[in-house]
C-alpha atoms as a PDB file:
ATOM      1  CA  MET A   1       9.515   4.957 -38.730  1.00  0.00           C
ATOM      2  CA  SER A   2      10.741   8.006 -39.631  1.00  0.00           C
ATOM      3  CA  VAL A   3      10.606  11.500 -37.513  1.00  0.00           C
ATOM      4  CA  ARG A   4       7.730  12.638 -40.127  1.00  0.00           C
ATOM      5  CA  GLU A   5       5.428   9.167 -39.236  1.00  0.00           C
ATOM      6  CA  GLU A   6       5.882   9.832 -35.493  1.00  0.00           C
ATOM      7  CA  PHE A   7       4.969  13.113 -35.124  1.00  0.00           C
ATOM      8  CA  ASP A   8       2.531  13.136 -37.923  1.00  0.00           C
ATOM      9  CA  ALA A   9       1.074  10.169 -35.478  1.00  0.00           C
ATOM     10  CA  TRP A  10       1.305  12.710 -32.215  1.00  0.00           C
ATOM     11  CA  ALA A  11       0.117  15.517 -33.922  1.00  0.00           C
ATOM     12  CA  ALA A  12      -3.372  13.202 -34.808  1.00  0.00           C
ATOM     13  CA  GLU A  13      -3.482  12.241 -31.227  1.00  0.00           C
ATOM     14  CA  GLY A  14      -3.354  15.803 -30.359  1.00  0.00           C
ATOM     15  CA  ARG A  15      -0.539  15.505 -28.248  1.00  0.00           C
ATOM     16  CA  GLU A  16       1.574  18.713 -29.701  1.00  0.00           C
ATOM     17  CA  GLN A  17      -0.522  20.380 -26.810  1.00  0.00           C
ATOM     18  CA  GLY A  18       0.565  18.184 -24.171  1.00  0.00           C
ATOM     19  CA  MET A  19       4.360  18.799 -25.683  1.00  0.00           C
ATOM     20  CA  GLU A  20       3.802  22.439 -25.296  1.00  0.00           C
ATOM     21  CA  GLU A  21       2.498  22.388 -21.630  1.00  0.00           C
ATOM     22  CA  ARG A  22       5.703  20.506 -20.510  1.00  0.00           C
ATOM     23  CA  HIS A  23       8.455  22.478 -22.688  1.00  0.00           C
ATOM     24  CA  TRP A  24       7.034  25.494 -21.494  1.00  0.00           C
ATOM     25  CA  HIS A  25       8.035  25.414 -18.149  1.00  0.00           C
ATOM     26  CA  THR A  26      11.646  25.686 -18.748  1.00  0.00           C
ATOM     27  CA  ALA A  27      11.162  27.109 -22.619  1.00  0.00           C
ATOM     28  CA  ARG A  28       9.723  30.475 -21.115  1.00  0.00           C
ATOM     29  CA  PRO A  29      13.254  31.595 -19.151  1.00  0.00           C
ATOM     30  CA  ILE A  30      15.222  30.258 -22.381  1.00  0.00           C
ATOM     31  CA  LEU A  31      13.126  32.507 -24.898  1.00  0.00           C
ATOM     32  CA  ALA A  32      13.614  35.278 -22.435  1.00  0.00           C
ATOM     33  CA  ARG A  33      17.315  35.083 -22.467  1.00  0.00           C
ATOM     34  CA  ILE A  34      17.136  35.443 -26.639  1.00  0.00           C
ATOM     35  CA  PRO A  35      18.431  39.093 -27.613  1.00  0.00           C
ATOM     36  CA  VAL A  36      15.449  39.629 -30.501  1.00  0.00           C
ATOM     37  CA  GLU A  37      15.292  43.112 -31.673  1.00  0.00           C
ATOM     38  CA  ASP A  38      12.682  44.703 -33.737  1.00  0.00           C
ATOM     39  CA  GLY A  39      12.885  43.401 -37.626  1.00  0.00           C
ATOM     40  CA  ASP A  40      14.132  40.087 -36.474  1.00  0.00           C
ATOM     41  CA  THR A  41      13.658  37.017 -38.365  1.00  0.00           C
ATOM     42  CA  VAL A  42      13.921  33.716 -36.035  1.00  0.00           C
ATOM     43  CA  LEU A  43      13.822  30.132 -37.092  1.00  0.00           C
ATOM     44  CA  ASP A  44      11.963  27.709 -34.469  1.00  0.00           C
ATOM     45  CA  LEU A  45      13.061  24.466 -35.562  1.00  0.00           C
ATOM     46  CA  GLY A  46      10.686  21.174 -34.622  1.00  0.00           C
ATOM     47  CA  THR A  47       8.157  24.068 -34.169  1.00  0.00           C
ATOM     48  CA  GLY A  48       5.565  21.890 -32.851  1.00  0.00           C
ATOM     49  CA  SER A  49       2.556  24.025 -31.733  1.00  0.00           C
ATOM     50  CA  GLY A  50       4.220  26.969 -32.483  1.00  0.00           C
ATOM     51  CA  TYR A  51       4.127  28.476 -29.311  1.00  0.00           C
ATOM     52  CA  ALA A  52       7.780  29.660 -29.224  1.00  0.00           C
ATOM     53  CA  LEU A  53       7.302  31.997 -32.317  1.00  0.00           C
ATOM     54  CA  ARG A  54       3.563  32.988 -30.740  1.00  0.00           C
ATOM     55  CA  ALA A  55       5.842  34.328 -27.718  1.00  0.00           C
ATOM     56  CA  LEU A  56       8.827  35.860 -29.868  1.00  0.00           C
ATOM     57  CA  ARG A  57       6.365  37.979 -31.809  1.00  0.00           C
ATOM     58  CA  GLU A  58       5.106  39.736 -28.599  1.00  0.00           C
ATOM     59  CA  ARG A  59       8.619  40.321 -28.179  1.00  0.00           C
ATOM     60  CA  GLY A  60       8.825  42.565 -31.780  1.00  0.00           C
ATOM     61  CA  ILE A  61      10.469  40.420 -34.082  1.00  0.00           C
ATOM     62  CA  ASP A  62       9.358  40.850 -38.173  1.00  0.00           C
ATOM     63  CA  ALA A  63       9.135  37.533 -39.353  1.00  0.00           C
ATOM     64  CA  GLY A  64       9.112  33.867 -37.559  1.00  0.00           C
ATOM     65  CA  TYR A  65       9.264  30.455 -39.599  1.00  0.00           C
ATOM     66  CA  GLY A  66       8.757  27.449 -37.882  1.00  0.00           C
ATOM     67  CA  LEU A  67      10.023  23.921 -39.481  1.00  0.00           C
ATOM     68  CA  ASP A  68       9.202  20.453 -38.559  1.00  0.00           C
ATOM     69  CA  GLY A  69       9.435  17.569 -40.173  1.00  0.00           C
ATOM     70  CA  SER A  70       5.958  16.374 -39.543  1.00  0.00           C
ATOM     71  CA  PRO A  71       3.180  17.922 -42.188  1.00  0.00           C
ATOM     72  CA  GLU A  72       0.674  17.212 -39.389  1.00  0.00           C
ATOM     73  CA  MET A  73       2.399  19.407 -36.264  1.00  0.00           C
ATOM     74  CA  ALA A  74       2.962  22.251 -39.165  1.00  0.00           C
ATOM     75  CA  ARG A  75      -0.574  22.244 -40.040  1.00  0.00           C
ATOM     76  CA  LYS A  76      -1.332  22.685 -36.471  1.00  0.00           C
ATOM     77  CA  ALA A  77       0.664  25.110 -35.475  1.00  0.00           C
ATOM     78  CA  ALA A  78      -0.383  27.038 -38.719  1.00  0.00           C
ATOM     79  CA  GLY A  79      -4.320  26.586 -37.485  1.00  0.00           C
ATOM     80  CA  TYR A  80      -3.206  28.100 -33.685  1.00  0.00           C
ATOM     81  CA  THR A  81      -2.161  32.098 -35.556  1.00  0.00           C
ATOM     82  CA  ASP A  82      -3.941  34.372 -37.648  1.00  0.00           C
ATOM     83  CA  ASP A  83      -0.504  36.564 -37.998  1.00  0.00           C
ATOM     84  CA  ASP A  84       0.947  36.712 -41.522  1.00  0.00           C
ATOM     85  CA  ALA A  85       4.309  37.513 -40.299  1.00  0.00           C
ATOM     86  CA  VAL A  86       4.583  33.891 -38.984  1.00  0.00           C
ATOM     87  CA  GLY A  87       4.839  30.986 -41.295  1.00  0.00           C
ATOM     88  CA  PHE A  88       5.443  27.238 -41.133  1.00  0.00           C
ATOM     89  CA  LEU A  89       7.318  24.876 -42.783  1.00  0.00           C
ATOM     90  CA  VAL A  90       7.686  20.959 -43.565  1.00  0.00           C
ATOM     91  CA  GLY A  91      11.520  19.756 -44.058  1.00  0.00           C
ATOM     92  CA  ASP A  92      14.481  17.979 -42.825  1.00  0.00           C
ATOM     93  CA  PHE A  93      16.698  19.762 -40.288  1.00  0.00           C
ATOM     94  CA  ASP A  94      19.734  19.001 -42.373  1.00  0.00           C
ATOM     95  CA  HIS A  95      18.565  21.266 -45.798  1.00  0.00           C
ATOM     96  CA  LEU A  96      17.440  24.535 -44.372  1.00  0.00           C
ATOM     97  CA  PRO A  97      15.200  26.370 -46.813  1.00  0.00           C
ATOM     98  CA  PHE A  98      17.221  29.452 -46.065  1.00  0.00           C
ATOM     99  CA  ALA A  99      19.509  31.908 -47.982  1.00  0.00           C
ATOM    100  CA  ASP A 100      22.999  32.260 -46.104  1.00  0.00           C
ATOM    101  CA  ASP A 101      23.172  34.812 -44.000  1.00  0.00           C
ATOM    102  CA  SER A 102      19.310  35.223 -43.729  1.00  0.00           C
ATOM    103  CA  VAL A 103      18.180  34.377 -40.361  1.00  0.00           C
ATOM    104  CA  ASP A 104      19.037  36.238 -36.872  1.00  0.00           C
ATOM    105  CA  HIS A 105      18.163  33.998 -34.534  1.00  0.00           C
ATOM    106  CA  VAL A 106      17.414  29.963 -34.245  1.00  0.00           C
ATOM    107  CA  PHE A 107      16.000  28.388 -31.434  1.00  0.00           C
ATOM    108  CA  SER A 108      15.280  24.195 -31.280  1.00  0.00           C
ATOM    109  CA  MET A 109      13.034  23.148 -27.920  1.00  0.00           C
ATOM    110  CA  GLU A 110      13.372  19.167 -27.407  1.00  0.00           C
ATOM    111  CA  ALA A 111      14.049  18.726 -30.780  1.00  0.00           C
ATOM    112  CA  PHE A 112      17.443  18.972 -32.347  1.00  0.00           C
ATOM    113  CA  TYR A 113      17.937  15.154 -30.963  1.00  0.00           C
ATOM    114  CA  TYR A 114      15.928  14.003 -33.624  1.00  0.00           C
ATOM    115  CA  ALA A 115      17.758  14.861 -36.312  1.00  0.00           C
ATOM    116  CA  ASN A 116      19.282  12.056 -38.778  1.00  0.00           C
ATOM    117  CA  ASP A 117      22.549  14.046 -38.881  1.00  0.00           C
ATOM    118  CA  PRO A 118      23.079  16.444 -36.000  1.00  0.00           C
ATOM    119  CA  ASP A 119      26.697  17.899 -37.403  1.00  0.00           C
ATOM    120  CA  ARG A 120      25.172  18.900 -40.342  1.00  0.00           C
ATOM    121  CA  VAL A 121      22.172  20.504 -39.040  1.00  0.00           C
ATOM    122  CA  LEU A 122      24.738  22.682 -36.985  1.00  0.00           C
ATOM    123  CA  SER A 123      26.612  23.433 -40.388  1.00  0.00           C
ATOM    124  CA  GLU A 124      23.203  24.559 -42.015  1.00  0.00           C
ATOM    125  CA  ILE A 125      22.690  26.696 -38.780  1.00  0.00           C
ATOM    126  CA  ARG A 126      25.996  28.126 -39.484  1.00  0.00           C
ATOM    127  CA  ARG A 127      25.099  29.263 -43.054  1.00  0.00           C
ATOM    128  CA  ILE A 128      22.090  30.722 -42.350  1.00  0.00           C
ATOM    129  CA  LEU A 129      22.526  32.905 -39.325  1.00  0.00           C
ATOM    130  CA  ARG A 130      23.992  36.457 -39.587  1.00  0.00           C
ATOM    131  CA  PRO A 131      27.051  37.691 -38.372  1.00  0.00           C
ATOM    132  CA  GLY A 132      26.442  37.956 -34.145  1.00  0.00           C
ATOM    133  CA  GLY A 133      23.254  35.690 -34.990  1.00  0.00           C
ATOM    134  CA  THR A 134      22.477  32.782 -31.869  1.00  0.00           C
ATOM    135  CA  PHE A 135      21.053  29.645 -32.108  1.00  0.00           C
ATOM    136  CA  TYR A 136      19.691  28.436 -28.799  1.00  0.00           C
ATOM    137  CA  CYS A 137      19.550  24.767 -27.935  1.00  0.00           C
ATOM    138  CA  ALA A 138      17.713  23.312 -25.725  1.00  0.00           C
ATOM    139  CA  VAL A 139      17.206  19.922 -24.959  1.00  0.00           C
ATOM    140  CA  ASN A 140      16.240  17.445 -21.652  1.00  0.00           C
ATOM    141  CA  TYR A 141      17.609  14.116 -23.492  1.00  0.00           C
ATOM    142  CA  TYR A 142      21.528  13.859 -22.640  1.00  0.00           C
ATOM    143  CA  GLU A 143      23.936  12.068 -21.212  1.00  0.00           C
ATOM    144  CA  GLU A 144      23.982  13.696 -17.658  1.00  0.00           C
ATOM    145  CA  ASN A 145      20.442  13.696 -17.447  1.00  0.00           C
ATOM    146  CA  VAL A 146      20.497   9.807 -16.172  1.00  0.00           C
ATOM    147  CA  ALA A 147      16.583  10.181 -16.133  1.00  0.00           C
ATOM    148  CA  SER A 148      16.453  10.223 -19.775  1.00  0.00           C
ATOM    149  CA  HIS A 149      18.549   7.369 -20.504  1.00  0.00           C
ATOM    150  CA  ASP A 150      15.353   5.075 -21.003  1.00  0.00           C
ATOM    151  CA  TRP A 151      13.581   7.052 -23.231  1.00  0.00           C
ATOM    152  CA  GLN A 152      14.695   5.571 -26.558  1.00  0.00           C
ATOM    153  CA  ALA A 153      13.394   2.467 -25.539  1.00  0.00           C
ATOM    154  CA  ASN A 154       9.971   4.168 -26.192  1.00  0.00           C
ATOM    155  CA  ILE A 155      10.122   5.917 -28.990  1.00  0.00           C
ATOM    156  CA  GLU A 156      10.956   4.287 -32.666  1.00  0.00           C
ATOM    157  CA  VAL A 157      12.803   7.444 -34.155  1.00  0.00           C
ATOM    158  CA  GLU A 158      17.031   6.952 -33.377  1.00  0.00           C
ATOM    159  CA  MET A 159      17.827   9.634 -30.784  1.00  0.00           C
ATOM    160  CA  THR A 160      21.418  11.390 -30.487  1.00  0.00           C
ATOM    161  CA  ARG A 161      22.668  11.424 -26.662  1.00  0.00           C
ATOM    162  CA  TRP A 162      25.562  13.971 -26.193  1.00  0.00           C
ATOM    163  CA  ASN A 163      27.104  15.146 -23.003  1.00  0.00           C
ATOM    164  CA  ARG A 164      27.447  18.402 -22.501  1.00  0.00           C
ATOM    165  CA  GLU A 165      31.010  18.490 -23.836  1.00  0.00           C
ATOM    166  CA  GLN A 166      29.706  17.145 -26.718  1.00  0.00           C
ATOM    167  CA  TYR A 167      27.819  19.952 -27.484  1.00  0.00           C
ATOM    168  CA  ARG A 168      30.622  22.398 -26.959  1.00  0.00           C
ATOM    169  CA  GLU A 169      32.845  20.715 -29.326  1.00  0.00           C
ATOM    170  CA  ALA A 170      29.850  19.735 -32.292  1.00  0.00           C
ATOM    171  CA  PHE A 171      28.988  23.206 -32.016  1.00  0.00           C
ATOM    172  CA  ARG A 172      32.737  24.718 -32.412  1.00  0.00           C
ATOM    173  CA  GLU A 173      33.382  22.339 -35.298  1.00  0.00           C
ATOM    174  CA  ALA A 174      30.284  23.522 -36.826  1.00  0.00           C
ATOM    175  CA  GLY A 175      31.822  27.467 -36.518  1.00  0.00           C
ATOM    176  CA  LEU A 176      29.905  28.308 -34.075  1.00  0.00           C
ATOM    177  CA  HIS A 177      31.410  30.434 -30.697  1.00  0.00           C
ATOM    178  CA  VAL A 178      29.545  28.743 -27.553  1.00  0.00           C
ATOM    179  CA  ALA A 179      28.670  31.551 -25.642  1.00  0.00           C
ATOM    180  CA  GLU A 180      26.762  29.808 -22.923  1.00  0.00           C
ATOM    181  CA  GLN A 181      25.978  26.361 -21.616  1.00  0.00           C
ATOM    182  CA  ASP A 182      23.907  25.435 -18.528  1.00  0.00           C
ATOM    183  CA  THR A 183      20.913  23.660 -17.087  1.00  0.00           C
ATOM    184  CA  VAL A 184      17.456  25.122 -16.519  1.00  0.00           C
ATOM    185  CA  PRO A 185      15.660  23.821 -13.899  1.00  0.00           C
ATOM    186  CA  ASP A 186      11.802  23.240 -14.276  1.00  0.00           C
ATOM    187  CA  ARG A 187      10.850  25.007 -11.343  1.00  0.00           C
ATOM    188  CA  GLU A 188       7.065  24.776 -12.050  1.00  0.00           C
ATOM    189  CA  ILE A 189       6.121  21.003 -11.960  1.00  0.00           C
ATOM    190  CA  GLU A 190       4.483  20.054  -9.020  1.00  0.00           C
ATOM    191  CA  ILE A 191       6.618  17.249  -6.903  1.00  0.00           C
ATOM    192  CA  PRO A 192       4.574  15.198  -4.204  1.00  0.00           C
ATOM    193  CA  GLU A 193       5.913  14.436  -1.144  1.00  0.00           C
ATOM    194  CA  ALA A 194       7.772  11.366  -0.438  1.00  0.00           C
ATOM    195  CA  SER A 195       4.586   9.276   0.616  1.00  0.00           C
ATOM    196  CA  ALA A 196       2.928   9.945  -2.866  1.00  0.00           C
ATOM    197  CA  PHE A 197       6.263   7.724  -4.249  1.00  0.00           C
ATOM    198  CA  PRO A 198       6.541   5.661  -6.754  1.00  0.00           C
ATOM    199  CA  HIS A 199       4.687   8.296  -8.815  1.00  0.00           C
ATOM    200  CA  GLU A 200       5.438   8.886 -12.946  1.00  0.00           C
ATOM    201  CA  GLY A 201       7.440   6.430 -13.376  1.00  0.00           C
ATOM    202  CA  PHE A 202      10.217   7.789 -10.656  1.00  0.00           C
ATOM    203  CA  ALA A 203      11.114   5.167  -7.584  1.00  0.00           C
ATOM    204  CA  ASP A 204      11.051   8.291  -4.966  1.00  0.00           C
ATOM    205  CA  ARG A 205      11.011  11.661  -4.472  1.00  0.00           C
ATOM    206  CA  GLY A 206      14.667  12.499  -5.280  1.00  0.00           C
ATOM    207  CA  ALA A 207      14.813  10.851  -8.540  1.00  0.00           C
ATOM    208  CA  MET A 208      11.995  13.319  -9.817  1.00  0.00           C
ATOM    209  CA  VAL A 209      13.541  16.327  -7.384  1.00  0.00           C
ATOM    210  CA  GLU A 210      16.662  15.218  -9.502  1.00  0.00           C
ATOM    211  CA  ARG A 211      15.239  15.192 -13.060  1.00  0.00           C
ATOM    212  CA  TYR A 212      13.643  18.640 -13.312  1.00  0.00           C
ATOM    213  CA  ARG A 213      15.163  20.742 -10.220  1.00  0.00           C
ATOM    214  CA  THR A 214      18.618  19.663 -10.754  1.00  0.00           C
ATOM    215  CA  TRP A 215      19.187  18.088 -14.583  1.00  0.00           C
ATOM    216  CA  GLY A 216      15.735  20.144 -16.221  1.00  0.00           C
ATOM    217  CA  THR A 217      16.710  21.265 -20.040  1.00  0.00           C
ATOM    218  CA  LEU A 218      20.334  21.746 -21.350  1.00  0.00           C
ATOM    219  CA  LEU A 219      21.116  25.289 -23.296  1.00  0.00           C
ATOM    220  CA  THR A 220      23.654  24.822 -25.194  1.00  0.00           C
ATOM    221  CA  VAL A 221      23.990  28.840 -27.102  1.00  0.00           C
ATOM    222  CA  GLY A 222      25.952  29.096 -29.859  1.00  0.00           C
ATOM    223  CA  VAL A 223      26.891  32.582 -31.914  1.00  0.00           C
ATOM    224  CA  ALA A 224      27.522  32.816 -35.446  1.00  0.00           C
ATOM    225  CA  PRO A 225      31.230  34.874 -35.706  1.00  0.00           C
END
């Protein structure tokens, strides 16, 4: 199954709202770090419901574009806002429909690992970023997060599971300076007492704490020279 087919099905089931609710816990502090200024242009890769662009518009960006591989996701995202400065596109991550040096910041939350060719995507991001522009790449499917290792079995789309060093190396190979890399914990999700386990697929409380509080979301920040 293609990314388009998989996420069209998710959108048809109304799962974009659930994705927004789950991702927002770590997306919010990450979005707060992006050094947006009045007049900036931002691209959100794998926009889903478009929540990131709606949040960034409140901080004064001039224009926001949400790109998704799913036409249904893009259609739904457009339905959640009537802001003329925000637009939603359907396309592949490895062929971004933007001119060279035309975007100030790129953000991607829990979507980069669905790319068919992640190295090509990084090259495209480097191409469209203006000098000093940033790429904030957030993923929770990564090698050090052991709890994510069985996720591939639950989805037909092939995913890329890199470790922290592979992310840094790939960013550098694409010409992006790695300015920051850390894990952003989910401090909002409720973790029950030990007596409530097994719970939500976790055998014990320690495993759930490790997944959300220890590993959380891996953030890698690249800057265009």
